[in-house]
Amino acid sequence: MPNAVVFPGGVVHTSDEKLGHPGKVAAIRELFEETGLLLGSSVQSAATSRELEEIQEKTKTDVESFKLACPSPPVDQLLEWNTWLTPSSYKQRYMTSFYIIRIEGEPQIRMCEKEMVHYSWMAPKDCLERAAKGEVVLPPPQVYELTRISQTPCEELHKHCNSNYVLCPQHIGWQNQPFITNALPGDHLYIDDDSYHQPPRTMSLEAVKVDLQKSTHRVEYCSKPLYTKCKVYMHNLPAKYRNSFHQFETSSKKLQQ
């Protein structure tokens, strides 16, 4: 996502499959490629190790080189947090898994300048506040995930992993308004049949208006500038969704006041 604040990551390579859990291995490898951070019994950094610096450079052009630094990736350290699928309105679609790992402090970064122009350690709440002020561009999945992470103590994160549903936003444009609703599983506007392939829709303002009496699970945002005024709503979900999804505080609370 160009010009946006996102988490380190990338696509799974065939070499990742040889080292264990492909998704987690890819996450660990991409973290190393993009930031120079190497996970293990302790976090090492290419910023402070000439050997790791050289391997990081090799890995950028030959992913097989990653095993020189990490022959046994610590996949058990990663918490499988959530999985999103790019909406059908995009030509290129990715099944993207988010992982969480707890580390101490803020290790020094050696940034990959081909893929990044800046990096920052930020508390989830601070990042959300900066996005709300228009200081950074934060795409909807990041807003959703950082909102729930910001409300969860570190020692309780493992209780709120989602492994039951892939979040594939269904794109709904607002008629005559520069806003978009991303309907998520459980929302009354979400179409369950062939849910991953539903084409974009356009609906009236009345139809997309958030209703406290209806099952709601969505992200809405302005398209000009893109991803501004982003809000998450979740309320009144049926039991099967309420029991599957992390029940965190969203903009729904403001409507109830």
C-alpha atoms as a PDB file:
ATOM      1  CA  MET A   1       0.000   0.000   0.000  1.00  0.00           C
ATOM      2  CA  PRO A   2       2.020   3.021  -1.242  1.00  0.00           C
ATOM      3  CA  ASN A   3       2.208   6.104   1.020  1.00  0.00           C
ATOM      4  CA  ALA A   4       0.449   4.298   3.852  1.00  0.00           C
ATOM      5  CA  VAL A   5       1.456   3.216   7.339  1.00  0.00           C
ATOM      6  CA  VAL A   6       1.436  -0.578   7.354  1.00  0.00           C
ATOM      7  CA  PHE A   7       3.029  -3.472   9.202  1.00  0.00           C
ATOM      8  CA  PRO A   8       6.130  -5.186   7.775  1.00  0.00           C
ATOM      9  CA  GLY A   9       5.238  -8.122   5.558  1.00  0.00           C
ATOM     10  CA  GLY A  10       5.099  -9.646   2.104  1.00  0.00           C
ATOM     11  CA  VAL A  11       4.240 -12.729   0.089  1.00  0.00           C
ATOM     12  CA  VAL A  12       5.022 -16.346   0.918  1.00  0.00           C
ATOM     13  CA  HIS A  13       7.945 -17.788  -1.058  1.00  0.00           C
ATOM     14  CA  THR A  14       8.453 -21.449  -1.917  1.00  0.00           C
ATOM     15  CA  SER A  15      11.541 -21.462   0.318  1.00  0.00           C
ATOM     16  CA  ASP A  16       9.330 -20.557   3.301  1.00  0.00           C
ATOM     17  CA  GLU A  17       7.511 -23.864   2.940  1.00  0.00           C
ATOM     18  CA  LYS A  18      10.768 -25.747   3.494  1.00  0.00           C
ATOM     19  CA  LEU A  19      11.289 -24.141   6.914  1.00  0.00           C
ATOM     20  CA  GLY A  20       7.946 -24.979   8.527  1.00  0.00           C
ATOM     21  CA  HIS A  21       4.730 -22.964   8.791  1.00  0.00           C
ATOM     22  CA  PRO A  22       4.869 -20.983   5.479  1.00  0.00           C
ATOM     23  CA  GLY A  23       2.845 -17.966   6.635  1.00  0.00           C
ATOM     24  CA  LYS A  24       4.750 -17.492   9.866  1.00  0.00           C
ATOM     25  CA  VAL A  25       8.131 -18.132   8.225  1.00  0.00           C
ATOM     26  CA  ALA A  26       7.308 -15.536   5.558  1.00  0.00           C
ATOM     27  CA  ALA A  27       6.364 -13.028   8.263  1.00  0.00           C
ATOM     28  CA  ILE A  28       9.649 -13.601  10.125  1.00  0.00           C
ATOM     29  CA  ARG A  29      11.662 -13.409   6.891  1.00  0.00           C
ATOM     30  CA  GLU A  30       9.934 -10.267   5.621  1.00  0.00           C
ATOM     31  CA  LEU A  31      10.425  -8.609   8.999  1.00  0.00           C
ATOM     32  CA  PHE A  32      14.154  -9.305   8.659  1.00  0.00           C
ATOM     33  CA  GLU A  33      14.288  -8.118   5.032  1.00  0.00           C
ATOM     34  CA  GLU A  34      12.462  -4.862   5.697  1.00  0.00           C
ATOM     35  CA  THR A  35      13.676  -3.922   9.176  1.00  0.00           C
ATOM     36  CA  GLY A  36      16.796  -5.970   9.842  1.00  0.00           C
ATOM     37  CA  LEU A  37      15.216  -7.489  12.958  1.00  0.00           C
ATOM     38  CA  LEU A  38      15.825 -11.197  13.468  1.00  0.00           C
ATOM     39  CA  LEU A  39      13.543 -13.028  15.871  1.00  0.00           C
ATOM     40  CA  GLY A  40      14.814 -15.796  18.113  1.00  0.00           C
ATOM     41  CA  SER A  41      15.507 -16.382  21.795  1.00  0.00           C
ATOM     42  CA  SER A  42      16.311 -12.659  21.728  1.00  0.00           C
ATOM     43  CA  VAL A  43      15.807 -10.040  19.020  1.00  0.00           C
ATOM     44  CA  GLN A  44      18.939  -9.303  17.006  1.00  0.00           C
ATOM     45  CA  SER A  45      19.375  -6.422  14.569  1.00  0.00           C
ATOM     46  CA  ALA A  46      21.292  -5.996  11.332  1.00  0.00           C
ATOM     47  CA  ALA A  47      21.825  -2.416  12.470  1.00  0.00           C
ATOM     48  CA  THR A  48      24.297  -3.657  15.083  1.00  0.00           C
ATOM     49  CA  SER A  49      25.699  -6.768  13.362  1.00  0.00           C
ATOM     50  CA  ARG A  50      27.812  -6.682  10.205  1.00  0.00           C
ATOM     51  CA  GLU A  51      27.126 -10.375   9.609  1.00  0.00           C
ATOM     52  CA  LEU A  52      23.348  -9.887   9.763  1.00  0.00           C
ATOM     53  CA  GLU A  53      23.647  -6.759   7.618  1.00  0.00           C
ATOM     54  CA  GLU A  54      25.289  -8.794   4.864  1.00  0.00           C
ATOM     55  CA  ILE A  55      22.669 -11.545   5.098  1.00  0.00           C
ATOM     56  CA  GLN A  56      19.862  -8.979   5.058  1.00  0.00           C
ATOM     57  CA  GLU A  57      21.234  -7.570   1.798  1.00  0.00           C
ATOM     58  CA  LYS A  58      21.528 -11.060   0.289  1.00  0.00           C
ATOM     59  CA  THR A  59      17.998 -11.957   1.357  1.00  0.00           C
ATOM     60  CA  LYS A  60      16.559  -8.968  -0.515  1.00  0.00           C
ATOM     61  CA  THR A  61      17.581 -10.548  -3.828  1.00  0.00           C
ATOM     62  CA  ASP A  62      17.732 -14.222  -2.840  1.00  0.00           C
ATOM     63  CA  VAL A  63      15.209 -15.248  -0.193  1.00  0.00           C
ATOM     64  CA  GLU A  64      16.954 -18.619   0.166  1.00  0.00           C
ATOM     65  CA  SER A  65      19.750 -16.708   1.934  1.00  0.00           C
ATOM     66  CA  PHE A  66      17.481 -16.114   4.922  1.00  0.00           C
ATOM     67  CA  LYS A  67      18.213 -19.590   6.256  1.00  0.00           C
ATOM     68  CA  LEU A  68      21.844 -18.491   6.771  1.00  0.00           C
ATOM     69  CA  ALA A  69      20.610 -16.208   9.539  1.00  0.00           C
ATOM     70  CA  CYS A  70      17.645 -18.276  10.669  1.00  0.00           C
ATOM     71  CA  PRO A  71      17.766 -22.011   9.855  1.00  0.00           C
ATOM     72  CA  SER A  72      14.944 -22.721  12.340  1.00  0.00           C
ATOM     73  CA  PRO A  73      12.486 -19.784  12.391  1.00  0.00           C
ATOM     74  CA  PRO A  74      10.790 -19.397  15.820  1.00  0.00           C
ATOM     75  CA  VAL A  75       7.266 -19.855  14.476  1.00  0.00           C
ATOM     76  CA  ASP A  76       5.922 -20.813  17.904  1.00  0.00           C
ATOM     77  CA  GLN A  77       6.603 -17.280  19.143  1.00  0.00           C
ATOM     78  CA  LEU A  78       4.106 -15.761  16.718  1.00  0.00           C
ATOM     79  CA  LEU A  79       0.464 -15.371  17.702  1.00  0.00           C
ATOM     80  CA  GLU A  80      -1.847 -15.837  14.709  1.00  0.00           C
ATOM     81  CA  TRP A  81      -4.030 -12.783  15.200  1.00  0.00           C
ATOM     82  CA  ASN A  82      -6.327 -12.352  12.201  1.00  0.00           C
ATOM     83  CA  THR A  83      -6.625 -12.917   8.446  1.00  0.00           C
ATOM     84  CA  TRP A  84      -7.931 -10.496   5.810  1.00  0.00           C
ATOM     85  CA  LEU A  85      -8.648 -10.975   2.106  1.00  0.00           C
ATOM     86  CA  THR A  86      -8.387  -8.047  -0.306  1.00  0.00           C
ATOM     87  CA  PRO A  87     -11.866  -6.957  -1.515  1.00  0.00           C
ATOM     88  CA  SER A  88     -13.006  -8.214  -4.925  1.00  0.00           C
ATOM     89  CA  SER A  89     -12.894  -4.635  -6.257  1.00  0.00           C
ATOM     90  CA  TYR A  90      -9.073  -4.889  -6.501  1.00  0.00           C
ATOM     91  CA  LYS A  91      -7.282  -6.574  -9.415  1.00  0.00           C
ATOM     92  CA  GLN A  92      -4.610  -8.016  -7.142  1.00  0.00           C
ATOM     93  CA  ARG A  93      -5.914  -9.822  -4.083  1.00  0.00           C
ATOM     94  CA  TYR A  94      -3.995 -11.194  -1.134  1.00  0.00           C
ATOM     95  CA  MET A  95      -4.894 -13.473   1.756  1.00  0.00           C
ATOM     96  CA  THR A  96      -3.076 -11.598   4.506  1.00  0.00           C
ATOM     97  CA  SER A  97      -2.470 -12.995   7.972  1.00  0.00           C
ATOM     98  CA  PHE A  98      -1.503 -10.722  10.842  1.00  0.00           C
ATOM     99  CA  TYR A  99       0.788 -12.058  13.552  1.00  0.00           C
ATOM    100  CA  ILE A 100       1.749 -10.643  16.934  1.00  0.00           C
ATOM    101  CA  ILE A 101       4.909 -11.173  18.944  1.00  0.00           C
ATOM    102  CA  ARG A 102       5.929  -9.609  22.244  1.00  0.00           C
ATOM    103  CA  ILE A 103       9.430  -8.142  22.453  1.00  0.00           C
ATOM    104  CA  GLU A 104      11.246  -5.969  24.953  1.00  0.00           C
ATOM    105  CA  GLY A 105      12.079  -2.356  24.152  1.00  0.00           C
ATOM    106  CA  GLU A 106      12.462  -0.840  20.685  1.00  0.00           C
ATOM    107  CA  PRO A 107      15.329  -2.573  18.848  1.00  0.00           C
ATOM    108  CA  GLN A 108      17.328  -0.530  16.361  1.00  0.00           C
ATOM    109  CA  ILE A 109      16.068  -0.791  12.778  1.00  0.00           C
ATOM    110  CA  ARG A 110      18.041  -1.189   9.560  1.00  0.00           C
ATOM    111  CA  MET A 111      15.403  -0.137   7.049  1.00  0.00           C
ATOM    112  CA  CYS A 112      15.020  -1.509   3.520  1.00  0.00           C
ATOM    113  CA  GLU A 113      14.931   1.733   1.536  1.00  0.00           C
ATOM    114  CA  LYS A 114      13.501   0.031  -1.563  1.00  0.00           C
ATOM    115  CA  GLU A 115      10.249  -0.794   0.234  1.00  0.00           C
ATOM    116  CA  MET A 116      10.079   1.811   2.990  1.00  0.00           C
ATOM    117  CA  VAL A 117      10.700   5.544   3.282  1.00  0.00           C
ATOM    118  CA  HIS A 118      10.318   5.780   7.048  1.00  0.00           C
ATOM    119  CA  TYR A 119       9.777   3.627  10.106  1.00  0.00           C
ATOM    120  CA  SER A 120       8.539   4.279  13.603  1.00  0.00           C
ATOM    121  CA  TRP A 121       7.790   2.440  16.825  1.00  0.00           C
ATOM    122  CA  MET A 122       4.339   3.676  17.836  1.00  0.00           C
ATOM    123  CA  ALA A 123       1.826   2.728  20.470  1.00  0.00           C
ATOM    124  CA  PRO A 124      -1.396   1.574  18.728  1.00  0.00           C
ATOM    125  CA  LYS A 125      -3.405   4.396  20.294  1.00  0.00           C
ATOM    126  CA  ASP A 126      -0.885   7.025  19.147  1.00  0.00           C
ATOM    127  CA  CYS A 127      -0.963   5.699  15.587  1.00  0.00           C
ATOM    128  CA  LEU A 128      -4.765   5.829  15.531  1.00  0.00           C
ATOM    129  CA  GLU A 129      -4.756   9.387  16.853  1.00  0.00           C
ATOM    130  CA  ARG A 130      -2.287  10.498  14.184  1.00  0.00           C
ATOM    131  CA  ALA A 131      -4.445   8.909  11.500  1.00  0.00           C
ATOM    132  CA  ALA A 132      -7.546  10.651  12.856  1.00  0.00           C
ATOM    133  CA  LYS A 133      -5.696  13.983  12.596  1.00  0.00           C
ATOM    134  CA  GLY A 134      -4.661  13.252   9.018  1.00  0.00           C
ATOM    135  CA  GLU A 135      -0.967  13.074   9.888  1.00  0.00           C
ATOM    136  CA  VAL A 136      -0.601   9.531   8.520  1.00  0.00           C
ATOM    137  CA  VAL A 137      -2.574   7.342   6.113  1.00  0.00           C
ATOM    138  CA  LEU A 138      -3.847   4.220   7.841  1.00  0.00           C
ATOM    139  CA  PRO A 139      -5.779   1.664   5.716  1.00  0.00           C
ATOM    140  CA  PRO A 140      -8.977   0.102   7.146  1.00  0.00           C
ATOM    141  CA  PRO A 141      -7.490  -3.276   8.219  1.00  0.00           C
ATOM    142  CA  GLN A 142      -4.802  -1.461  10.193  1.00  0.00           C
ATOM    143  CA  VAL A 143      -7.389   0.815  11.819  1.00  0.00           C
ATOM    144  CA  TYR A 144      -9.495  -2.208  12.771  1.00  0.00           C
ATOM    145  CA  GLU A 145      -6.601  -4.232  14.183  1.00  0.00           C
ATOM    146  CA  LEU A 146      -4.882  -1.373  16.008  1.00  0.00           C
ATOM    147  CA  THR A 147      -8.201  -0.357  17.572  1.00  0.00           C
ATOM    148  CA  ARG A 148      -8.701  -3.754  19.166  1.00  0.00           C
ATOM    149  CA  ILE A 149      -5.032  -4.202  20.076  1.00  0.00           C
ATOM    150  CA  SER A 150      -5.033  -0.794  21.770  1.00  0.00           C
ATOM    151  CA  GLN A 151      -7.823  -1.962  24.080  1.00  0.00           C
ATOM    152  CA  THR A 152      -6.285  -5.305  25.018  1.00  0.00           C
ATOM    153  CA  PRO A 153      -3.618  -5.928  27.685  1.00  0.00           C
ATOM    154  CA  CYS A 154      -0.615  -7.768  26.238  1.00  0.00           C
ATOM    155  CA  GLU A 155      -1.173 -10.772  28.480  1.00  0.00           C
ATOM    156  CA  GLU A 156      -4.725 -11.178  27.107  1.00  0.00           C
ATOM    157  CA  LEU A 157      -4.029 -10.880  23.377  1.00  0.00           C
ATOM    158  CA  HIS A 158      -4.070 -14.657  22.925  1.00  0.00           C
ATOM    159  CA  LYS A 159      -7.722 -14.720  24.017  1.00  0.00           C
ATOM    160  CA  HIS A 160      -8.870 -12.635  21.063  1.00  0.00           C
ATOM    161  CA  CYS A 161      -7.347 -14.321  18.019  1.00  0.00           C
ATOM    162  CA  ASN A 162      -9.759 -14.896  15.138  1.00  0.00           C
ATOM    163  CA  SER A 163      -9.392 -18.244  13.404  1.00  0.00           C
ATOM    164  CA  ASN A 164     -13.039 -18.800  12.441  1.00  0.00           C
ATOM    165  CA  TYR A 165     -13.539 -16.201   9.720  1.00  0.00           C
ATOM    166  CA  VAL A 166     -11.469 -14.546   7.022  1.00  0.00           C
ATOM    167  CA  LEU A 167     -12.355 -10.861   6.925  1.00  0.00           C
ATOM    168  CA  CYS A 168     -13.111 -10.086   3.282  1.00  0.00           C
ATOM    169  CA  PRO A 169     -14.564  -6.558   3.141  1.00  0.00           C
ATOM    170  CA  GLN A 170     -17.468  -6.080   0.750  1.00  0.00           C
ATOM    171  CA  HIS A 171     -17.156  -2.687  -0.922  1.00  0.00           C
ATOM    172  CA  ILE A 172     -20.241  -0.442  -0.787  1.00  0.00           C
ATOM    173  CA  GLY A 173     -20.004   3.061  -2.239  1.00  0.00           C
ATOM    174  CA  TRP A 174     -22.295   5.799  -0.930  1.00  0.00           C
ATOM    175  CA  GLN A 175     -24.535   7.318  -3.584  1.00  0.00           C
ATOM    176  CA  ASN A 176     -23.449  10.916  -4.345  1.00  0.00           C
ATOM    177  CA  GLN A 177     -21.068  10.875  -1.370  1.00  0.00           C
ATOM    178  CA  PRO A 178     -17.263  10.313  -1.297  1.00  0.00           C
ATOM    179  CA  PHE A 179     -17.549   7.573   1.322  1.00  0.00           C
ATOM    180  CA  ILE A 180     -17.138   3.809   1.292  1.00  0.00           C
ATOM    181  CA  THR A 181     -18.469   1.148   3.639  1.00  0.00           C
ATOM    182  CA  ASN A 182     -16.523  -2.084   4.030  1.00  0.00           C
ATOM    183  CA  ALA A 183     -19.121  -4.577   5.266  1.00  0.00           C
ATOM    184  CA  LEU A 184     -17.655  -7.459   7.293  1.00  0.00           C
ATOM    185  CA  PRO A 185     -19.078 -10.870   8.311  1.00  0.00           C
ATOM    186  CA  GLY A 186     -22.125 -10.463  10.535  1.00  0.00           C
ATOM    187  CA  ASP A 187     -23.147  -7.071   9.146  1.00  0.00           C
ATOM    188  CA  HIS A 188     -26.732  -6.946   7.854  1.00  0.00           C
ATOM    189  CA  LEU A 189     -25.381  -5.667   4.510  1.00  0.00           C
ATOM    190  CA  TYR A 190     -22.854  -8.491   4.176  1.00  0.00           C
ATOM    191  CA  ILE A 191     -23.753 -11.112   1.564  1.00  0.00           C
ATOM    192  CA  ASP A 192     -22.815 -14.578   2.821  1.00  0.00           C
ATOM    193  CA  ASP A 193     -23.280 -16.427  -0.476  1.00  0.00           C
ATOM    194  CA  ASP A 194     -20.014 -16.437  -2.453  1.00  0.00           C
ATOM    195  CA  SER A 195     -18.855 -13.766  -0.012  1.00  0.00           C
ATOM    196  CA  TYR A 196     -15.291 -13.522  -1.337  1.00  0.00           C
ATOM    197  CA  HIS A 197     -16.438 -12.603  -4.844  1.00  0.00           C
ATOM    198  CA  GLN A 198     -19.243 -10.099  -4.343  1.00  0.00           C
ATOM    199  CA  PRO A 199     -18.871  -7.148  -6.757  1.00  0.00           C
ATOM    200  CA  PRO A 200     -18.793  -3.563  -5.463  1.00  0.00           C
ATOM    201  CA  ARG A 201     -22.185  -2.032  -4.783  1.00  0.00           C
ATOM    202  CA  THR A 202     -23.521   1.515  -4.583  1.00  0.00           C
ATOM    203  CA  MET A 203     -26.251   2.247  -2.068  1.00  0.00           C
ATOM    204  CA  SER A 204     -28.206   5.257  -0.862  1.00  0.00           C
ATOM    205  CA  LEU A 205     -27.179   7.155   2.227  1.00  0.00           C
ATOM    206  CA  GLU A 206     -30.262   5.866   4.012  1.00  0.00           C
ATOM    207  CA  ALA A 207     -29.369   2.254   3.197  1.00  0.00           C
ATOM    208  CA  VAL A 208     -25.788   2.504   4.482  1.00  0.00           C
ATOM    209  CA  LYS A 209     -26.589   4.593   7.549  1.00  0.00           C
ATOM    210  CA  VAL A 210     -25.478   2.885  10.764  1.00  0.00           C
ATOM    211  CA  ASP A 211     -28.518   1.598  12.654  1.00  0.00           C
ATOM    212  CA  LEU A 212     -28.124   0.581  16.292  1.00  0.00           C
ATOM    213  CA  GLN A 213     -30.994  -1.888  15.928  1.00  0.00           C
ATOM    214  CA  LYS A 214     -29.364  -3.837  13.090  1.00  0.00           C
ATOM    215  CA  SER A 215     -26.479  -6.274  13.102  1.00  0.00           C
ATOM    216  CA  THR A 216     -23.443  -4.159  12.270  1.00  0.00           C
ATOM    217  CA  HIS A 217     -19.798  -5.031  11.631  1.00  0.00           C
ATOM    218  CA  ARG A 218     -18.076  -2.612   9.273  1.00  0.00           C
ATOM    219  CA  VAL A 219     -15.451  -0.005   8.566  1.00  0.00           C
ATOM    220  CA  GLU A 220     -16.377   3.203   6.784  1.00  0.00           C
ATOM    221  CA  TYR A 221     -14.077   5.881   5.427  1.00  0.00           C
ATOM    222  CA  CYS A 222     -13.806   8.817   3.050  1.00  0.00           C
ATOM    223  CA  SER A 223     -12.392   8.169  -0.418  1.00  0.00           C
ATOM    224  CA  LYS A 224     -11.166  11.753  -0.936  1.00  0.00           C
ATOM    225  CA  PRO A 225      -8.530  11.749   0.478  1.00  0.00           C
ATOM    226  CA  LEU A 226      -8.557   7.966   0.624  1.00  0.00           C
ATOM    227  CA  TYR A 227      -8.838   6.289   4.052  1.00  0.00           C
ATOM    228  CA  THR A 228      -9.565   9.526   5.917  1.00  0.00           C
ATOM    229  CA  LYS A 229     -12.322   9.818   8.542  1.00  0.00           C
ATOM    230  CA  CYS A 230     -12.105   6.068   9.095  1.00  0.00           C
ATOM    231  CA  LYS A 231     -14.484   4.584  11.672  1.00  0.00           C
ATOM    232  CA  VAL A 232     -15.123   1.050  12.899  1.00  0.00           C
ATOM    233  CA  TYR A 233     -18.600  -0.077  13.969  1.00  0.00           C
ATOM    234  CA  MET A 234     -19.611  -3.326  15.631  1.00  0.00           C
ATOM    235  CA  HIS A 235     -22.833  -3.927  17.547  1.00  0.00           C
ATOM    236  CA  ASN A 236     -25.908  -6.121  17.837  1.00  0.00           C
ATOM    237  CA  LEU A 237     -24.244  -9.129  16.198  1.00  0.00           C
ATOM    238  CA  PRO A 238     -26.003 -12.524  16.203  1.00  0.00           C
ATOM    239  CA  ALA A 239     -24.575 -14.975  18.741  1.00  0.00           C
ATOM    240  CA  LYS A 240     -22.509 -16.984  16.232  1.00  0.00           C
ATOM    241  CA  TYR A 241     -20.630 -13.848  15.191  1.00  0.00           C
ATOM    242  CA  ARG A 242     -20.539 -12.291  18.643  1.00  0.00           C
ATOM    243  CA  ASN A 243     -18.860 -15.412  19.993  1.00  0.00           C
ATOM    244  CA  SER A 244     -16.369 -15.542  17.124  1.00  0.00           C
ATOM    245  CA  PHE A 245     -15.250 -11.926  16.939  1.00  0.00           C
ATOM    246  CA  HIS A 246     -13.397  -9.937  19.556  1.00  0.00           C
ATOM    247  CA  GLN A 247     -15.947  -7.598  21.140  1.00  0.00           C
ATOM    248  CA  PHE A 248     -14.036  -4.336  21.428  1.00  0.00           C
ATOM    249  CA  GLU A 249     -15.136  -0.721  21.778  1.00  0.00           C
ATOM    250  CA  THR A 250     -15.914   0.972  18.447  1.00  0.00           C
ATOM    251  CA  SER A 251     -17.621   4.131  17.210  1.00  0.00           C
ATOM    252  CA  SER A 252     -20.914   2.355  17.934  1.00  0.00           C
ATOM    253  CA  LYS A 253     -20.529   3.477  21.551  1.00  0.00           C
ATOM    254  CA  LYS A 254     -20.758   7.137  20.542  1.00  0.00           C
ATOM    255  CA  LEU A 255     -24.073   6.479  18.798  1.00  0.00           C
ATOM    256  CA  GLN A 256     -25.462   4.941  21.973  1.00  0.00           C
ATOM    257  CA  GLN A 257     -24.675   7.982  24.108  1.00  0.00           C
END
